Amino acid sequence: MRRIPRSLGRALLVAALLGPLPACSGRSPTGALTPPPDAAPWENDLATAFDDDFTAIAPELKGRAPSNVLDQRLLAQRLGFADVVAVARIEQIFTRKRRGRIEPFVAVEIEELLIGKLVPGTESQQLLRLSGDEEIDPSLHGRRVLLFVRWATEATPPYHHHVMVAEPAVMEFVTALVQHAKKAGVLTPGGGVKKNRATRSSRNEPELP
């Protein structure tokens, strides 16, 4: 398993714990995820979808049990309102104890951007702090995941995210949805988010089957 270089890992850990350093316009100063200058304001009603947490079990796309419907709705919100959706691979899983509390982290390698763009200087390797207090199953090392990011310029770090294991059925659905959005003009051919998707009022949640 490839490991994040120590110097980069230290810089990303600082960014994850303390927030970004002052940046030149439109560039990441540390390599960590950094909002573009024109990032839309964070919307508090998206906090449940972008909860800085990890989902180890992919949602049942066609299930109709209440728990399945809730998971489907969260996936639709993440796809519809994310500024960045990426396919990534888990490189490291570790925890840190702070004031008697366990803080879990995952280090991922971003392999492909499906939706959105990253500012220049952003490293493909990212260290993400998780909001839960439970350790992540070590067997998830090397697994592909979907990373959903919504910018939150006043937060530390300046975004909220969710990481979900990328099961084949979910990947097939997401890929098809992205292609449909490009054909419909909602996304640019390169996956960039059109400006008219910047606010919640002008963005729709995709329908799941």
C-alpha atoms as a PDB file:
ATOM      1  CA  MET A   1       0.000   0.000   0.000  1.00  0.00           C
ATOM      2  CA  ARG A   2       1.379   3.393  -0.971  1.00  0.00           C
ATOM      3  CA  ARG A   3       1.789   5.737   1.965  1.00  0.00           C
ATOM      4  CA  ILE A   4       1.469   9.493   2.056  1.00  0.00           C
ATOM      5  CA  PRO A   5       4.952  11.099   2.256  1.00  0.00           C
ATOM      6  CA  ARG A   6       5.713  12.307   5.773  1.00  0.00           C
ATOM      7  CA  SER A   7       6.126  15.942   4.772  1.00  0.00           C
ATOM      8  CA  LEU A   8       2.837  15.989   2.856  1.00  0.00           C
ATOM      9  CA  GLY A   9       1.053  14.057   5.574  1.00  0.00           C
ATOM     10  CA  ARG A  10       2.200  16.598   8.173  1.00  0.00           C
ATOM     11  CA  ALA A  11       0.989  19.521   6.058  1.00  0.00           C
ATOM     12  CA  LEU A  12      -2.380  17.891   5.428  1.00  0.00           C
ATOM     13  CA  LEU A  13      -2.790  17.040   9.112  1.00  0.00           C
ATOM     14  CA  VAL A  14      -2.155  20.676  10.027  1.00  0.00           C
ATOM     15  CA  ALA A  15      -4.716  21.737   7.450  1.00  0.00           C
ATOM     16  CA  ALA A  16      -7.251  19.211   8.730  1.00  0.00           C
ATOM     17  CA  LEU A  17      -6.824  20.262  12.359  1.00  0.00           C
ATOM     18  CA  LEU A  18      -6.234  23.995  12.127  1.00  0.00           C
ATOM     19  CA  GLY A  19      -7.781  25.054   8.845  1.00  0.00           C
ATOM     20  CA  PRO A  20      -6.128  26.556   5.762  1.00  0.00           C
ATOM     21  CA  LEU A  21      -3.299  29.044   5.686  1.00  0.00           C
ATOM     22  CA  PRO A  22      -3.898  32.365   3.899  1.00  0.00           C
ATOM     23  CA  ALA A  23      -4.001  31.561   0.199  1.00  0.00           C
ATOM     24  CA  CYS A  24      -3.353  33.289  -3.064  1.00  0.00           C
ATOM     25  CA  SER A  25      -6.583  33.696  -4.977  1.00  0.00           C
ATOM     26  CA  GLY A  26      -7.701  30.393  -6.410  1.00  0.00           C
ATOM     27  CA  ARG A  27      -4.813  28.252  -5.152  1.00  0.00           C
ATOM     28  CA  SER A  28      -4.277  25.737  -2.338  1.00  0.00           C
ATOM     29  CA  PRO A  29      -1.324  26.829  -0.154  1.00  0.00           C
ATOM     30  CA  THR A  30      -0.865  23.477   1.629  1.00  0.00           C
ATOM     31  CA  GLY A  31      -2.193  20.960  -0.888  1.00  0.00           C
ATOM     32  CA  ALA A  32      -5.333  20.459   1.197  1.00  0.00           C
ATOM     33  CA  LEU A  33      -8.854  20.867  -0.175  1.00  0.00           C
ATOM     34  CA  THR A  34      -9.446  24.596  -0.645  1.00  0.00           C
ATOM     35  CA  PRO A  35     -12.575  26.426  -1.882  1.00  0.00           C
ATOM     36  CA  PRO A  36     -12.350  28.507  -5.057  1.00  0.00           C
ATOM     37  CA  PRO A  37     -12.784  32.276  -4.659  1.00  0.00           C
ATOM     38  CA  ASP A  38     -16.345  32.100  -5.976  1.00  0.00           C
ATOM     39  CA  ALA A  39     -17.513  29.237  -3.725  1.00  0.00           C
ATOM     40  CA  ALA A  40     -21.192  29.450  -2.816  1.00  0.00           C
ATOM     41  CA  PRO A  41     -22.042  30.050   0.878  1.00  0.00           C
ATOM     42  CA  TRP A  42     -22.525  27.035   3.126  1.00  0.00           C
ATOM     43  CA  GLU A  43     -26.176  26.186   3.802  1.00  0.00           C
ATOM     44  CA  ASN A  44     -26.952  24.784   7.247  1.00  0.00           C
ATOM     45  CA  ASP A  45     -29.756  22.545   6.014  1.00  0.00           C
ATOM     46  CA  LEU A  46     -27.122  20.461   4.184  1.00  0.00           C
ATOM     47  CA  ALA A  47     -25.398  19.480   7.442  1.00  0.00           C
ATOM     48  CA  THR A  48     -27.060  16.052   7.578  1.00  0.00           C
ATOM     49  CA  ALA A  49     -25.911  15.115   4.073  1.00  0.00           C
ATOM     50  CA  PHE A  50     -22.400  16.558   4.460  1.00  0.00           C
ATOM     51  CA  ASP A  51     -21.750  15.368   7.999  1.00  0.00           C
ATOM     52  CA  ASP A  52     -17.973  14.749   7.811  1.00  0.00           C
ATOM     53  CA  ASP A  53     -18.623  11.062   8.404  1.00  0.00           C
ATOM     54  CA  PHE A  54     -18.062   7.692   6.761  1.00  0.00           C
ATOM     55  CA  THR A  55     -20.534   5.146   5.378  1.00  0.00           C
ATOM     56  CA  ALA A  56     -19.083   1.646   5.174  1.00  0.00           C
ATOM     57  CA  ILE A  57     -22.208   0.062   3.636  1.00  0.00           C
ATOM     58  CA  ALA A  58     -23.566   1.363   0.351  1.00  0.00           C
ATOM     59  CA  PRO A  59     -27.274   2.230   0.213  1.00  0.00           C
ATOM     60  CA  GLU A  60     -29.829  -0.173  -1.219  1.00  0.00           C
ATOM     61  CA  LEU A  61     -30.896   1.759  -4.313  1.00  0.00           C
ATOM     62  CA  LYS A  62     -34.218  -0.031  -4.832  1.00  0.00           C
ATOM     63  CA  GLY A  63     -35.131  -0.866  -1.241  1.00  0.00           C
ATOM     64  CA  ARG A  64     -38.325   0.668   0.128  1.00  0.00           C
ATOM     65  CA  ALA A  65     -37.817   0.138   3.842  1.00  0.00           C
ATOM     66  CA  PRO A  66     -37.704   3.442   5.800  1.00  0.00           C
ATOM     67  CA  SER A  67     -33.958   3.115   6.385  1.00  0.00           C
ATOM     68  CA  ASN A  68     -33.369   2.460   2.679  1.00  0.00           C
ATOM     69  CA  VAL A  69     -35.446   5.470   1.656  1.00  0.00           C
ATOM     70  CA  LEU A  70     -33.489   7.690   4.073  1.00  0.00           C
ATOM     71  CA  ASP A  71     -30.159   6.444   2.698  1.00  0.00           C
ATOM     72  CA  GLN A  72     -31.366   7.014  -0.861  1.00  0.00           C
ATOM     73  CA  ARG A  73     -32.421  10.554  -0.059  1.00  0.00           C
ATOM     74  CA  LEU A  74     -29.052  11.332   1.515  1.00  0.00           C
ATOM     75  CA  LEU A  75     -27.254   9.982  -1.554  1.00  0.00           C
ATOM     76  CA  ALA A  76     -29.456  12.117  -3.797  1.00  0.00           C
ATOM     77  CA  GLN A  77     -28.717  15.209  -1.710  1.00  0.00           C
ATOM     78  CA  ARG A  78     -24.985  14.556  -1.792  1.00  0.00           C
ATOM     79  CA  LEU A  79     -25.016  14.135  -5.553  1.00  0.00           C
ATOM     80  CA  GLY A  80     -27.285  17.104  -6.137  1.00  0.00           C
ATOM     81  CA  PHE A  81     -25.623  19.625  -3.848  1.00  0.00           C
ATOM     82  CA  ALA A  82     -21.940  18.606  -3.743  1.00  0.00           C
ATOM     83  CA  ASP A  83     -19.391  21.023  -5.143  1.00  0.00           C
ATOM     84  CA  VAL A  84     -17.030  18.095  -5.715  1.00  0.00           C
ATOM     85  CA  VAL A  85     -17.733  14.384  -6.159  1.00  0.00           C
ATOM     86  CA  ALA A  86     -14.658  12.203  -6.584  1.00  0.00           C
ATOM     87  CA  VAL A  87     -13.699   8.562  -6.773  1.00  0.00           C
ATOM     88  CA  ALA A  88     -10.906   7.895  -4.285  1.00  0.00           C
ATOM     89  CA  ARG A  89      -9.052   5.022  -2.670  1.00  0.00           C
ATOM     90  CA  ILE A  90      -8.375   4.604   1.050  1.00  0.00           C
ATOM     91  CA  GLU A  91      -4.630   4.744   1.674  1.00  0.00           C
ATOM     92  CA  GLN A  92      -4.512   4.917   5.472  1.00  0.00           C
ATOM     93  CA  ILE A  93      -6.870   4.699   8.449  1.00  0.00           C
ATOM     94  CA  PHE A  94      -5.823   5.913  11.865  1.00  0.00           C
ATOM     95  CA  THR A  95      -7.117   7.527  15.034  1.00  0.00           C
ATOM     96  CA  ARG A  96      -5.849  10.206  17.380  1.00  0.00           C
ATOM     97  CA  LYS A  97      -6.785  10.558  21.032  1.00  0.00           C
ATOM     98  CA  ARG A  98      -7.493  14.105  22.117  1.00  0.00           C
ATOM     99  CA  ARG A  99      -8.879  15.065  25.513  1.00  0.00           C
ATOM    100  CA  GLY A 100     -10.031  11.513  26.076  1.00  0.00           C
ATOM    101  CA  ARG A 101     -11.892  11.372  22.761  1.00  0.00           C
ATOM    102  CA  ILE A 102     -11.032   9.259  19.737  1.00  0.00           C
ATOM    103  CA  GLU A 103     -10.730  11.235  16.505  1.00  0.00           C
ATOM    104  CA  PRO A 104     -10.676   9.030  13.392  1.00  0.00           C
ATOM    105  CA  PHE A 105      -8.985  10.033  10.130  1.00  0.00           C
ATOM    106  CA  VAL A 106      -8.840   8.521   6.660  1.00  0.00           C
ATOM    107  CA  ALA A 107      -6.188   9.330   4.074  1.00  0.00           C
ATOM    108  CA  VAL A 108      -7.424   8.944   0.511  1.00  0.00           C
ATOM    109  CA  GLU A 109      -5.945   9.136  -2.964  1.00  0.00           C
ATOM    110  CA  ILE A 110      -8.286  10.986  -5.323  1.00  0.00           C
ATOM    111  CA  GLU A 111      -8.353   9.013  -8.567  1.00  0.00           C
ATOM    112  CA  GLU A 112     -11.081  10.706 -10.610  1.00  0.00           C
ATOM    113  CA  LEU A 113     -13.249  13.806 -10.391  1.00  0.00           C
ATOM    114  CA  LEU A 114     -16.846  13.111 -11.399  1.00  0.00           C
ATOM    115  CA  ILE A 115     -18.327  16.487 -10.507  1.00  0.00           C
ATOM    116  CA  GLY A 116     -16.588  19.806  -9.868  1.00  0.00           C
ATOM    117  CA  LYS A 117     -13.021  21.040 -10.009  1.00  0.00           C
ATOM    118  CA  LEU A 118     -10.154  21.459  -7.540  1.00  0.00           C
ATOM    119  CA  VAL A 119      -8.094  24.628  -7.375  1.00  0.00           C
ATOM    120  CA  PRO A 120      -4.451  24.508  -8.554  1.00  0.00           C
ATOM    121  CA  GLY A 121      -2.033  23.167  -5.970  1.00  0.00           C
ATOM    122  CA  THR A 122      -4.516  20.640  -4.511  1.00  0.00           C
ATOM    123  CA  GLU A 123      -2.827  17.298  -3.857  1.00  0.00           C
ATOM    124  CA  SER A 124      -4.471  14.066  -4.984  1.00  0.00           C
ATOM    125  CA  GLN A 125      -3.721  12.658  -1.528  1.00  0.00           C
ATOM    126  CA  GLN A 126      -6.016  14.076   1.146  1.00  0.00           C
ATOM    127  CA  LEU A 127      -6.359  13.540   4.875  1.00  0.00           C
ATOM    128  CA  LEU A 128      -9.953  13.736   6.107  1.00  0.00           C
ATOM    129  CA  ARG A 129     -11.030  14.092   9.707  1.00  0.00           C
ATOM    130  CA  LEU A 130     -14.234  12.204  10.536  1.00  0.00           C
ATOM    131  CA  SER A 131     -16.885  13.440  12.935  1.00  0.00           C
ATOM    132  CA  GLY A 132     -17.589  10.066  14.536  1.00  0.00           C
ATOM    133  CA  ASP A 133     -15.763   8.661  17.548  1.00  0.00           C
ATOM    134  CA  GLU A 134     -15.533   5.046  16.366  1.00  0.00           C
ATOM    135  CA  GLU A 135     -12.552   3.432  14.727  1.00  0.00           C
ATOM    136  CA  ILE A 136     -12.886   2.564  11.030  1.00  0.00           C
ATOM    137  CA  ASP A 137     -12.597  -1.120  10.106  1.00  0.00           C
ATOM    138  CA  PRO A 138      -8.934  -1.682   9.063  1.00  0.00           C
ATOM    139  CA  SER A 139     -10.096  -4.107   6.355  1.00  0.00           C
ATOM    140  CA  LEU A 140     -11.291  -1.072   4.369  1.00  0.00           C
ATOM    141  CA  HIS A 141      -7.668  -0.252   3.459  1.00  0.00           C
ATOM    142  CA  GLY A 142      -7.433  -0.075  -0.312  1.00  0.00           C
ATOM    143  CA  ARG A 143     -11.187   0.162  -0.899  1.00  0.00           C
ATOM    144  CA  ARG A 144     -12.582   2.583  -3.450  1.00  0.00           C
ATOM    145  CA  VAL A 145     -14.860   5.260  -2.035  1.00  0.00           C
ATOM    146  CA  LEU A 146     -16.962   8.174  -3.206  1.00  0.00           C
ATOM    147  CA  LEU A 147     -15.969  11.506  -1.688  1.00  0.00           C
ATOM    148  CA  PHE A 148     -18.648  14.214  -1.572  1.00  0.00           C
ATOM    149  CA  VAL A 149     -17.457  17.754  -0.740  1.00  0.00           C
ATOM    150  CA  ARG A 150     -19.462  20.923  -0.118  1.00  0.00           C
ATOM    151  CA  TRP A 151     -17.424  24.104   0.453  1.00  0.00           C
ATOM    152  CA  ALA A 152     -17.898  25.961   3.748  1.00  0.00           C
ATOM    153  CA  THR A 153     -15.480  28.881   3.646  1.00  0.00           C
ATOM    154  CA  GLU A 154     -16.026  29.955   7.265  1.00  0.00           C
ATOM    155  CA  ALA A 155     -15.546  26.454   8.712  1.00  0.00           C
ATOM    156  CA  THR A 156     -12.313  24.763   9.797  1.00  0.00           C
ATOM    157  CA  PRO A 157     -11.362  23.086   7.514  1.00  0.00           C
ATOM    158  CA  PRO A 158     -13.262  25.137   4.888  1.00  0.00           C
ATOM    159  CA  TYR A 159     -15.560  22.341   3.703  1.00  0.00           C
ATOM    160  CA  HIS A 160     -17.849  19.561   4.857  1.00  0.00           C
ATOM    161  CA  HIS A 161     -17.710  16.112   3.338  1.00  0.00           C
ATOM    162  CA  HIS A 162     -18.986  12.560   3.357  1.00  0.00           C
ATOM    163  CA  VAL A 163     -17.113   9.395   2.403  1.00  0.00           C
ATOM    164  CA  MET A 164     -18.994   6.313   1.197  1.00  0.00           C
ATOM    165  CA  VAL A 165     -17.747   2.912   0.099  1.00  0.00           C
ATOM    166  CA  ALA A 166     -18.165   2.718  -3.692  1.00  0.00           C
ATOM    167  CA  GLU A 167     -20.016  -0.517  -4.349  1.00  0.00           C
ATOM    168  CA  PRO A 168     -20.397  -1.462  -8.060  1.00  0.00           C
ATOM    169  CA  ALA A 169     -24.158  -0.790  -8.193  1.00  0.00           C
ATOM    170  CA  VAL A 170     -23.738   2.681  -6.709  1.00  0.00           C
ATOM    171  CA  MET A 171     -20.815   3.485  -9.001  1.00  0.00           C
ATOM    172  CA  GLU A 172     -22.854   2.420 -12.032  1.00  0.00           C
ATOM    173  CA  PHE A 173     -25.738   4.644 -10.952  1.00  0.00           C
ATOM    174  CA  VAL A 174     -23.538   7.658 -10.186  1.00  0.00           C
ATOM    175  CA  THR A 175     -21.590   7.347 -13.445  1.00  0.00           C
ATOM    176  CA  ALA A 176     -24.819   7.139 -15.460  1.00  0.00           C
ATOM    177  CA  LEU A 177     -26.222  10.142 -13.630  1.00  0.00           C
ATOM    178  CA  VAL A 178     -23.105  12.237 -14.310  1.00  0.00           C
ATOM    179  CA  GLN A 179     -23.224  11.366 -18.002  1.00  0.00           C
ATOM    180  CA  HIS A 180     -26.908  12.311 -18.130  1.00  0.00           C
ATOM    181  CA  ALA A 181     -26.166  15.631 -16.392  1.00  0.00           C
ATOM    182  CA  LYS A 182     -23.477  16.432 -18.968  1.00  0.00           C
ATOM    183  CA  LYS A 183     -25.817  15.692 -21.847  1.00  0.00           C
ATOM    184  CA  ALA A 184     -28.504  17.841 -20.233  1.00  0.00           C
ATOM    185  CA  GLY A 185     -26.065  20.741 -19.816  1.00  0.00           C
ATOM    186  CA  VAL A 186     -26.192  20.705 -16.019  1.00  0.00           C
ATOM    187  CA  LEU A 187     -22.486  19.823 -15.952  1.00  0.00           C
ATOM    188  CA  THR A 188     -19.766  20.863 -18.366  1.00  0.00           C
ATOM    189  CA  PRO A 189     -18.169  18.118 -20.501  1.00  0.00           C
ATOM    190  CA  GLY A 190     -15.301  18.046 -17.981  1.00  0.00           C
ATOM    191  CA  GLY A 191     -17.641  17.617 -15.015  1.00  0.00           C
ATOM    192  CA  GLY A 192     -17.545  21.233 -13.884  1.00  0.00           C
ATOM    193  CA  VAL A 193     -20.541  22.566 -11.989  1.00  0.00           C
ATOM    194  CA  LYS A 194     -22.466  25.189 -13.955  1.00  0.00           C
ATOM    195  CA  LYS A 195     -22.789  28.529 -12.190  1.00  0.00           C
ATOM    196  CA  ASN A 196     -26.562  28.231 -12.046  1.00  0.00           C
ATOM    197  CA  ARG A 197     -26.129  25.271  -9.677  1.00  0.00           C
ATOM    198  CA  ALA A 198     -24.423  27.430  -7.033  1.00  0.00           C
ATOM    199  CA  THR A 199     -27.415  27.771  -4.717  1.00  0.00           C
ATOM    200  CA  ARG A 200     -29.761  25.215  -3.274  1.00  0.00           C
ATOM    201  CA  SER A 201     -32.799  26.939  -4.766  1.00  0.00           C
ATOM    202  CA  SER A 202     -31.502  26.365  -8.301  1.00  0.00           C
ATOM    203  CA  ARG A 203     -30.272  22.798  -7.826  1.00  0.00           C
ATOM    204  CA  ASN A 204     -32.382  19.672  -7.816  1.00  0.00           C
ATOM    205  CA  GLU A 205     -31.796  16.332  -6.159  1.00  0.00           C
ATOM    206  CA  PRO A 206     -31.490  13.521  -8.691  1.00  0.00           C
ATOM    207  CA  GLU A 207     -34.134  10.831  -8.561  1.00  0.00           C
ATOM    208  CA  LEU A 208     -33.015   7.338  -7.628  1.00  0.00           C
ATOM    209  CA  PRO A 209     -34.594   4.270  -9.226  1.00  0.00           C
END
